[in-house]
Amino acid sequence: MSKRGTPYVWGGASPSGYDCSGLMLRAYQHGGIELPRTAREQYAAFDKKIAWKDLKPGDLVFFHNLGHVGMISRPGYMVHAPRTGDVVKEERLNAWRRNSFVGAVRPDPKGVRLWGKLKEQLSAPAPATLKATV
């Protein structure tokens, strides 16, 4: 919430500017939880999905075919970095948001461990290829 008023910057993840997923990345990092970089990766990193009716503060909410993410700040509201030319703000979850809602996750230590394992697998070197001899 302290980042409200910070400019939206595409690809941004610093106090000089945030995009939607960069804001979530830094918010959770501040709380000791590592998230992937993009909204799509953040959604995929957690198996347990949260329904619209079960949203709680801290849940990450995803919209527009996983092209946008925000965080529930209080019942009926989210904080997010909306778009170029705008700033980080808190916004009411209106009918338009409900119609574009894809799903939500509640990042937790168990999910973070699963993401860490996946990240390790993705960054591990490929196995050496076998060489055929004649």
N, C-alpha and C. Protein backbone atom coordinates (compact mmCIF):
# COMPACT_ATOMS: atom_id res chain seq x y z
N MET A 1 0.82 -1.20 0.00
CA MET A 1 0.00 0.00 0.00
C MET A 1 0.86 1.26 0.00
N SER A 2 2.07 1.14 0.54
CA SER A 2 2.95 2.32 0.58
C SER A 2 3.44 2.70 -0.82
N LYS A 3 3.26 1.86 -1.80
CA LYS A 3 3.71 2.15 -3.17
C LYS A 3 2.63 2.86 -3.99
N ARG A 4 1.46 3.10 -3.40
CA ARG A 4 0.42 3.82 -4.14
C ARG A 4 0.97 5.16 -4.61
N GLY A 5 0.65 5.50 -5.85
CA GLY A 5 1.14 6.74 -6.44
C GLY A 5 2.41 6.56 -7.25
N THR A 6 3.08 5.40 -7.12
CA THR A 6 4.29 5.12 -7.90
C THR A 6 3.87 4.88 -9.35
N PRO A 7 4.61 5.43 -10.31
CA PRO A 7 4.22 5.26 -11.71
C PRO A 7 4.27 3.81 -12.19
N TYR A 8 3.37 3.50 -13.11
CA TYR A 8 3.43 2.22 -13.82
C TYR A 8 4.60 2.30 -14.79
N VAL A 9 5.44 1.29 -14.79
CA VAL A 9 6.53 1.17 -15.76
C VAL A 9 6.53 -0.26 -16.25
N TRP A 10 6.35 -0.45 -17.56
CA TRP A 10 6.35 -1.81 -18.11
C TRP A 10 7.66 -2.50 -17.77
N GLY A 11 7.58 -3.70 -17.19
CA GLY A 11 8.77 -4.44 -16.78
C GLY A 11 9.38 -3.94 -15.48
N GLY A 12 8.75 -2.95 -14.84
CA GLY A 12 9.31 -2.34 -13.64
C GLY A 12 9.09 -3.17 -12.39
N ALA A 13 10.10 -3.16 -11.53
CA ALA A 13 10.02 -3.87 -10.25
C ALA A 13 10.85 -3.13 -9.21
N SER A 14 10.81 -1.79 -9.27
CA SER A 14 11.62 -0.99 -8.35
C SER A 14 10.82 0.24 -7.92
N PRO A 15 11.29 0.93 -6.88
CA PRO A 15 10.57 2.12 -6.41
C PRO A 15 10.39 3.22 -7.47
N SER A 16 11.16 3.16 -8.55
CA SER A 16 10.97 4.17 -9.60
C SER A 16 9.79 3.82 -10.51
N GLY A 17 9.28 2.60 -10.42
CA GLY A 17 8.12 2.21 -11.21
C GLY A 17 7.90 0.71 -11.20
N TYR A 18 6.62 0.33 -11.28
CA TYR A 18 6.24 -1.09 -11.24
C TYR A 18 5.28 -1.40 -12.36
N ASP A 19 5.35 -2.63 -12.87
CA ASP A 19 4.24 -3.17 -13.62
C ASP A 19 3.47 -4.06 -12.64
N CYS A 20 2.38 -4.67 -13.08
CA CYS A 20 1.52 -5.38 -12.13
C CYS A 20 2.25 -6.53 -11.44
N SER A 21 2.94 -7.37 -12.20
CA SER A 21 3.60 -8.52 -11.59
C SER A 21 4.85 -8.12 -10.82
N GLY A 22 5.51 -7.07 -11.25
CA GLY A 22 6.68 -6.57 -10.52
C GLY A 22 6.30 -6.05 -9.15
N LEU A 23 5.13 -5.41 -9.06
CA LEU A 23 4.64 -4.94 -7.76
C LEU A 23 4.36 -6.12 -6.83
N MET A 24 3.75 -7.18 -7.36
CA MET A 24 3.46 -8.36 -6.53
C MET A 24 4.75 -9.06 -6.12
N LEU A 25 5.68 -9.15 -7.05
CA LEU A 25 6.99 -9.76 -6.77
C LEU A 25 7.65 -9.07 -5.59
N ARG A 26 7.72 -7.77 -5.62
CA ARG A 26 8.39 -7.00 -4.55
C ARG A 26 7.60 -7.04 -3.25
N ALA A 27 6.28 -7.00 -3.32
CA ALA A 27 5.47 -7.05 -2.10
C ALA A 27 5.70 -8.36 -1.35
N TYR A 28 5.66 -9.46 -2.08
CA TYR A 28 5.87 -10.75 -1.43
C TYR A 28 7.32 -10.95 -1.03
N GLN A 29 8.24 -10.42 -1.81
CA GLN A 29 9.66 -10.50 -1.45
C GLN A 29 9.89 -9.79 -0.11
N HIS A 30 9.23 -8.67 0.08
CA HIS A 30 9.33 -7.93 1.34
C HIS A 30 8.84 -8.79 2.51
N GLY A 31 7.90 -9.67 2.23
CA GLY A 31 7.38 -10.59 3.24
C GLY A 31 8.15 -11.90 3.33
N GLY A 32 9.25 -12.01 2.57
CA GLY A 32 10.08 -13.22 2.64
C GLY A 32 9.63 -14.34 1.73
N ILE A 33 8.77 -14.05 0.77
CA ILE A 33 8.29 -15.08 -0.16
C ILE A 33 8.72 -14.71 -1.57
N GLU A 34 9.38 -15.64 -2.24
CA GLU A 34 9.86 -15.41 -3.60
C GLU A 34 8.79 -15.85 -4.60
N LEU A 35 8.46 -14.96 -5.51
CA LEU A 35 7.51 -15.26 -6.59
C LEU A 35 8.24 -15.22 -7.92
N PRO A 36 7.69 -15.92 -8.91
CA PRO A 36 8.21 -15.76 -10.28
C PRO A 36 7.94 -14.35 -10.79
N ARG A 37 8.47 -13.99 -11.94
CA ARG A 37 8.41 -12.62 -12.43
C ARG A 37 7.09 -12.21 -13.08
N THR A 38 6.51 -13.04 -13.92
CA THR A 38 5.34 -12.60 -14.69
C THR A 38 4.03 -13.06 -14.05
N ALA A 39 2.94 -12.40 -14.41
CA ALA A 39 1.62 -12.77 -13.88
C ALA A 39 1.30 -14.22 -14.22
N ARG A 40 1.53 -14.63 -15.43
CA ARG A 40 1.25 -16.01 -15.85
C ARG A 40 2.05 -17.00 -15.00
N GLU A 41 3.33 -16.73 -14.77
CA GLU A 41 4.17 -17.60 -13.95
C GLU A 41 3.72 -17.59 -12.48
N GLN A 42 3.31 -16.43 -11.99
CA GLN A 42 2.85 -16.32 -10.61
C GLN A 42 1.60 -17.18 -10.41
N TYR A 43 0.69 -17.16 -11.36
CA TYR A 43 -0.52 -17.98 -11.27
C TYR A 43 -0.18 -19.46 -11.32
N ALA A 44 0.72 -19.83 -12.23
CA ALA A 44 1.07 -21.24 -12.42
C ALA A 44 1.90 -21.82 -11.27
N ALA A 45 2.55 -20.97 -10.50
CA ALA A 45 3.46 -21.45 -9.45
C ALA A 45 2.73 -22.09 -8.28
N PHE A 46 1.43 -21.91 -8.18
CA PHE A 46 0.67 -22.42 -7.03
C PHE A 46 -0.49 -23.27 -7.51
N ASP A 47 -0.53 -24.52 -7.02
CA ASP A 47 -1.58 -25.44 -7.43
C ASP A 47 -2.95 -25.06 -6.88
N LYS A 48 -2.98 -24.58 -5.64
CA LYS A 48 -4.26 -24.27 -5.02
C LYS A 48 -4.78 -22.93 -5.53
N LYS A 49 -5.93 -22.98 -6.19
CA LYS A 49 -6.57 -21.77 -6.71
C LYS A 49 -7.70 -21.35 -5.78
N ILE A 50 -7.93 -20.05 -5.69
CA ILE A 50 -8.92 -19.48 -4.79
C ILE A 50 -10.09 -18.93 -5.61
N ALA A 51 -11.30 -19.26 -5.21
CA ALA A 51 -12.51 -18.78 -5.89
C ALA A 51 -12.78 -17.32 -5.52
N TRP A 52 -13.48 -16.63 -6.40
CA TRP A 52 -13.85 -15.23 -6.19
C TRP A 52 -14.51 -15.02 -4.83
N LYS A 53 -15.40 -15.91 -4.44
CA LYS A 53 -16.15 -15.75 -3.19
C LYS A 53 -15.29 -15.98 -1.95
N ASP A 54 -14.10 -16.56 -2.12
CA ASP A 54 -13.22 -16.89 -0.99
C ASP A 54 -12.00 -15.98 -0.88
N LEU A 55 -11.97 -14.87 -1.62
CA LEU A 55 -10.80 -13.99 -1.61
C LEU A 55 -10.56 -13.36 -0.25
N LYS A 56 -9.27 -13.29 0.12
CA LYS A 56 -8.86 -12.67 1.39
C LYS A 56 -7.69 -11.72 1.12
N PRO A 57 -7.46 -10.76 2.00
CA PRO A 57 -6.30 -9.87 1.84
C PRO A 57 -5.01 -10.68 1.68
N GLY A 58 -4.20 -10.25 0.71
CA GLY A 58 -2.95 -10.94 0.40
C GLY A 58 -3.06 -11.88 -0.78
N ASP A 59 -4.28 -12.29 -1.14
CA ASP A 59 -4.45 -13.17 -2.31
C ASP A 59 -4.07 -12.40 -3.58
N LEU A 60 -3.46 -13.11 -4.50
CA LEU A 60 -3.17 -12.53 -5.82
C LEU A 60 -4.34 -12.87 -6.73
N VAL A 61 -4.88 -11.87 -7.41
CA VAL A 61 -6.02 -12.05 -8.31
C VAL A 61 -5.58 -11.76 -9.74
N PHE A 62 -6.03 -12.60 -10.65
CA PHE A 62 -5.57 -12.56 -12.04
C PHE A 62 -6.74 -12.31 -12.98
N PHE A 63 -6.46 -11.49 -14.00
CA PHE A 63 -7.48 -11.05 -14.94
C PHE A 63 -6.97 -11.13 -16.37
N HIS A 64 -7.89 -11.00 -17.31
CA HIS A 64 -7.58 -10.84 -18.74
C HIS A 64 -6.63 -11.91 -19.26
N ASN A 65 -7.07 -13.17 -19.19
CA ASN A 65 -6.26 -14.27 -19.73
C ASN A 65 -4.86 -14.30 -19.11
N LEU A 66 -4.78 -14.03 -17.81
CA LEU A 66 -3.54 -14.01 -17.03
C LEU A 66 -2.59 -12.88 -17.44
N GLY A 67 -3.14 -11.84 -18.05
CA GLY A 67 -2.31 -10.71 -18.45
C GLY A 67 -2.21 -9.61 -17.39
N HIS A 68 -2.92 -9.77 -16.27
CA HIS A 68 -2.88 -8.74 -15.23
C HIS A 68 -3.06 -9.40 -13.87
N VAL A 69 -2.36 -8.84 -12.86
CA VAL A 69 -2.45 -9.35 -11.50
C VAL A 69 -2.55 -8.19 -10.52
N GLY A 70 -3.30 -8.39 -9.46
CA GLY A 70 -3.39 -7.45 -8.36
C GLY A 70 -3.40 -8.24 -7.06
N MET A 71 -3.41 -7.53 -5.94
CA MET A 71 -3.46 -8.18 -4.63
C MET A 71 -4.65 -7.65 -3.85
N ILE A 72 -5.40 -8.56 -3.25
CA ILE A 72 -6.52 -8.15 -2.42
C ILE A 72 -5.96 -7.36 -1.23
N SER A 73 -6.43 -6.14 -1.07
CA SER A 73 -5.95 -5.28 0.01
C SER A 73 -6.90 -5.29 1.21
N ARG A 74 -8.18 -5.43 0.93
CA ARG A 74 -9.23 -5.53 1.95
C ARG A 74 -10.45 -6.06 1.22
N PRO A 75 -11.46 -6.54 1.92
CA PRO A 75 -12.61 -7.12 1.23
C PRO A 75 -13.19 -6.16 0.17
N GLY A 76 -13.27 -6.69 -1.05
CA GLY A 76 -13.84 -5.91 -2.15
C GLY A 76 -12.90 -4.96 -2.85
N TYR A 77 -11.60 -4.96 -2.49
CA TYR A 77 -10.62 -4.05 -3.09
C TYR A 77 -9.32 -4.77 -3.41
N MET A 78 -8.61 -4.23 -4.39
CA MET A 78 -7.28 -4.74 -4.70
C MET A 78 -6.34 -3.56 -4.93
N VAL A 79 -5.06 -3.81 -4.74
CA VAL A 79 -4.02 -2.85 -5.08
C VAL A 79 -3.31 -3.42 -6.30
N HIS A 80 -2.97 -2.55 -7.26
CA HIS A 80 -2.33 -3.02 -8.48
C HIS A 80 -1.69 -1.85 -9.22
N ALA A 81 -0.87 -2.22 -10.20
CA ALA A 81 -0.27 -1.24 -11.12
C ALA A 81 -1.01 -1.42 -12.44
N PRO A 82 -1.97 -0.55 -12.74
CA PRO A 82 -2.90 -0.80 -13.84
C PRO A 82 -2.36 -0.79 -15.27
N ARG A 83 -1.68 0.28 -15.67
CA ARG A 83 -1.29 0.39 -17.09
C ARG A 83 -0.38 1.60 -17.28
N THR A 84 0.23 1.66 -18.44
CA THR A 84 1.07 2.80 -18.80
C THR A 84 0.26 4.08 -18.65
N GLY A 85 0.89 5.10 -18.05
CA GLY A 85 0.24 6.39 -17.85
C GLY A 85 -0.52 6.48 -16.54
N ASP A 86 -0.57 5.38 -15.80
CA ASP A 86 -1.29 5.36 -14.53
C ASP A 86 -0.29 5.12 -13.40
N VAL A 87 -0.79 4.98 -12.19
CA VAL A 87 0.05 4.78 -11.00
C VAL A 87 -0.50 3.60 -10.20
N VAL A 88 0.32 3.09 -9.30
CA VAL A 88 -0.13 2.05 -8.37
C VAL A 88 -1.28 2.63 -7.57
N LYS A 89 -2.38 1.86 -7.47
CA LYS A 89 -3.56 2.36 -6.77
C LYS A 89 -4.37 1.22 -6.20
N GLU A 90 -5.24 1.58 -5.27
CA GLU A 90 -6.22 0.64 -4.76
C GLU A 90 -7.51 0.88 -5.54
N GLU A 91 -8.16 -0.22 -5.92
CA GLU A 91 -9.36 -0.12 -6.75
C GLU A 91 -10.41 -1.10 -6.26
N ARG A 92 -11.66 -0.66 -6.33
CA ARG A 92 -12.77 -1.55 -5.96
C ARG A 92 -12.92 -2.65 -7.00
N LEU A 93 -13.21 -3.85 -6.53
CA LEU A 93 -13.47 -4.97 -7.44
C LEU A 93 -14.91 -4.86 -7.94
N ASN A 94 -15.06 -4.31 -9.13
CA ASN A 94 -16.39 -4.06 -9.68
C ASN A 94 -16.82 -5.20 -10.60
N ALA A 95 -17.98 -5.07 -11.21
CA ALA A 95 -18.52 -6.11 -12.10
C ALA A 95 -17.61 -6.36 -13.30
N TRP A 96 -16.99 -5.30 -13.82
CA TRP A 96 -16.08 -5.47 -14.95
C TRP A 96 -14.90 -6.36 -14.56
N ARG A 97 -14.35 -6.13 -13.37
CA ARG A 97 -13.26 -6.99 -12.88
C ARG A 97 -13.75 -8.42 -12.69
N ARG A 98 -14.94 -8.59 -12.15
CA ARG A 98 -15.48 -9.93 -11.93
C ARG A 98 -15.60 -10.67 -13.26
N ASN A 99 -16.03 -9.98 -14.30
CA ASN A 99 -16.19 -10.62 -15.61
C ASN A 99 -14.86 -11.01 -16.25
N SER A 100 -13.78 -10.32 -15.90
CA SER A 100 -12.48 -10.64 -16.51
C SER A 100 -11.61 -11.49 -15.57
N PHE A 101 -12.16 -11.90 -14.43
CA PHE A 101 -11.44 -12.69 -13.43
C PHE A 101 -11.11 -14.08 -13.98
N VAL A 102 -9.84 -14.46 -13.88
CA VAL A 102 -9.38 -15.79 -14.31
C VAL A 102 -9.26 -16.71 -13.11
N GLY A 103 -8.74 -16.20 -12.01
CA GLY A 103 -8.54 -17.00 -10.82
C GLY A 103 -7.67 -16.25 -9.83
N ALA A 104 -7.41 -16.91 -8.71
CA ALA A 104 -6.59 -16.31 -7.66
C ALA A 104 -5.75 -17.38 -7.00
N VAL A 105 -4.67 -16.96 -6.38
CA VAL A 105 -3.82 -17.86 -5.59
C VAL A 105 -3.53 -17.19 -4.26
N ARG A 106 -3.21 -18.02 -3.29
CA ARG A 106 -2.83 -17.54 -1.97
C ARG A 106 -1.40 -18.03 -1.72
N PRO A 107 -0.40 -17.24 -2.12
CA PRO A 107 0.98 -17.70 -1.94
C PRO A 107 1.27 -18.05 -0.48
N ASP A 108 1.76 -19.26 -0.30
CA ASP A 108 2.06 -19.75 1.04
C ASP A 108 3.41 -20.45 1.02
N PRO A 109 3.98 -20.72 2.18
CA PRO A 109 5.30 -21.37 2.22
C PRO A 109 5.36 -22.69 1.46
N LYS A 110 4.30 -23.51 1.52
CA LYS A 110 4.30 -24.78 0.80
C LYS A 110 4.39 -24.54 -0.71
N GLY A 111 3.56 -23.61 -1.20
CA GLY A 111 3.59 -23.30 -2.61
C GLY A 111 4.92 -22.72 -3.05
N VAL A 112 5.52 -21.92 -2.18
CA VAL A 112 6.82 -21.34 -2.49
C VAL A 112 7.87 -22.43 -2.63
N ARG A 113 7.82 -23.43 -1.77
CA ARG A 113 8.77 -24.54 -1.88
C ARG A 113 8.60 -25.25 -3.22
N LEU A 114 7.33 -25.46 -3.63
CA LEU A 114 7.09 -26.12 -4.91
C LEU A 114 7.64 -25.29 -6.07
N TRP A 115 7.46 -23.96 -6.00
CA TRP A 115 7.99 -23.08 -7.03
C TRP A 115 9.51 -23.15 -7.04
N GLY A 116 10.13 -23.18 -5.86
CA GLY A 116 11.58 -23.27 -5.77
C GLY A 116 12.11 -24.54 -6.42
N LYS A 117 11.42 -25.65 -6.21
CA LYS A 117 11.84 -26.92 -6.83
C LYS A 117 11.73 -26.83 -8.36
N LEU A 118 10.63 -26.26 -8.83
CA LEU A 118 10.44 -26.11 -10.27
C LEU A 118 11.53 -25.21 -10.85
N LYS A 119 11.84 -24.13 -10.15
CA LYS A 119 12.87 -23.20 -10.61
C LYS A 119 14.23 -23.90 -10.69
N GLU A 120 14.53 -24.72 -9.70
CA GLU A 120 15.79 -25.47 -9.73
C GLU A 120 15.85 -26.40 -10.94
N GLN A 121 14.74 -27.08 -11.20
CA GLN A 121 14.69 -27.99 -12.35
C GLN A 121 14.88 -27.23 -13.66
N LEU A 122 14.26 -26.06 -13.76
CA LEU A 122 14.37 -25.28 -14.98
C LEU A 122 15.77 -24.72 -15.20
N SER A 123 16.48 -24.45 -14.11
CA SER A 123 17.82 -23.86 -14.25
C SER A 123 18.93 -24.91 -14.25
N ALA A 124 18.59 -26.16 -14.01
CA ALA A 124 19.61 -27.22 -14.01
C ALA A 124 20.15 -27.42 -15.42
N PRO A 125 21.44 -27.71 -15.53
CA PRO A 125 22.00 -27.92 -16.86
C PRO A 125 21.38 -29.16 -17.51
N ALA A 126 21.27 -29.10 -18.80
CA ALA A 126 20.73 -30.24 -19.54
C ALA A 126 21.72 -31.40 -19.43
N PRO A 127 21.20 -32.64 -19.42
CA PRO A 127 22.11 -33.77 -19.35
C PRO A 127 22.99 -33.83 -20.59
N ALA A 128 24.20 -34.34 -20.39
CA ALA A 128 25.13 -34.47 -21.51
C ALA A 128 24.53 -35.41 -22.56
N THR A 129 24.73 -35.07 -23.80
CA THR A 129 24.19 -35.92 -24.85
C THR A 129 25.15 -37.07 -25.12
N LEU A 130 24.59 -38.18 -25.48
CA LEU A 130 25.41 -39.35 -25.80
C LEU A 130 25.93 -39.21 -27.21
N LYS A 131 27.13 -39.74 -27.43
CA LYS A 131 27.74 -39.66 -28.74
C LYS A 131 27.88 -41.08 -29.29
N ALA A 132 27.28 -41.29 -30.45
CA ALA A 132 27.36 -42.61 -31.05
C ALA A 132 28.71 -42.77 -31.76
N THR A 133 29.26 -43.93 -31.64
CA THR A 133 30.51 -44.24 -32.35
C THR A 133 30.28 -45.44 -33.22
N VAL A 134 31.01 -45.51 -34.30
CA VAL A 134 30.85 -46.63 -35.23
C VAL A 134 32.10 -47.45 -35.23
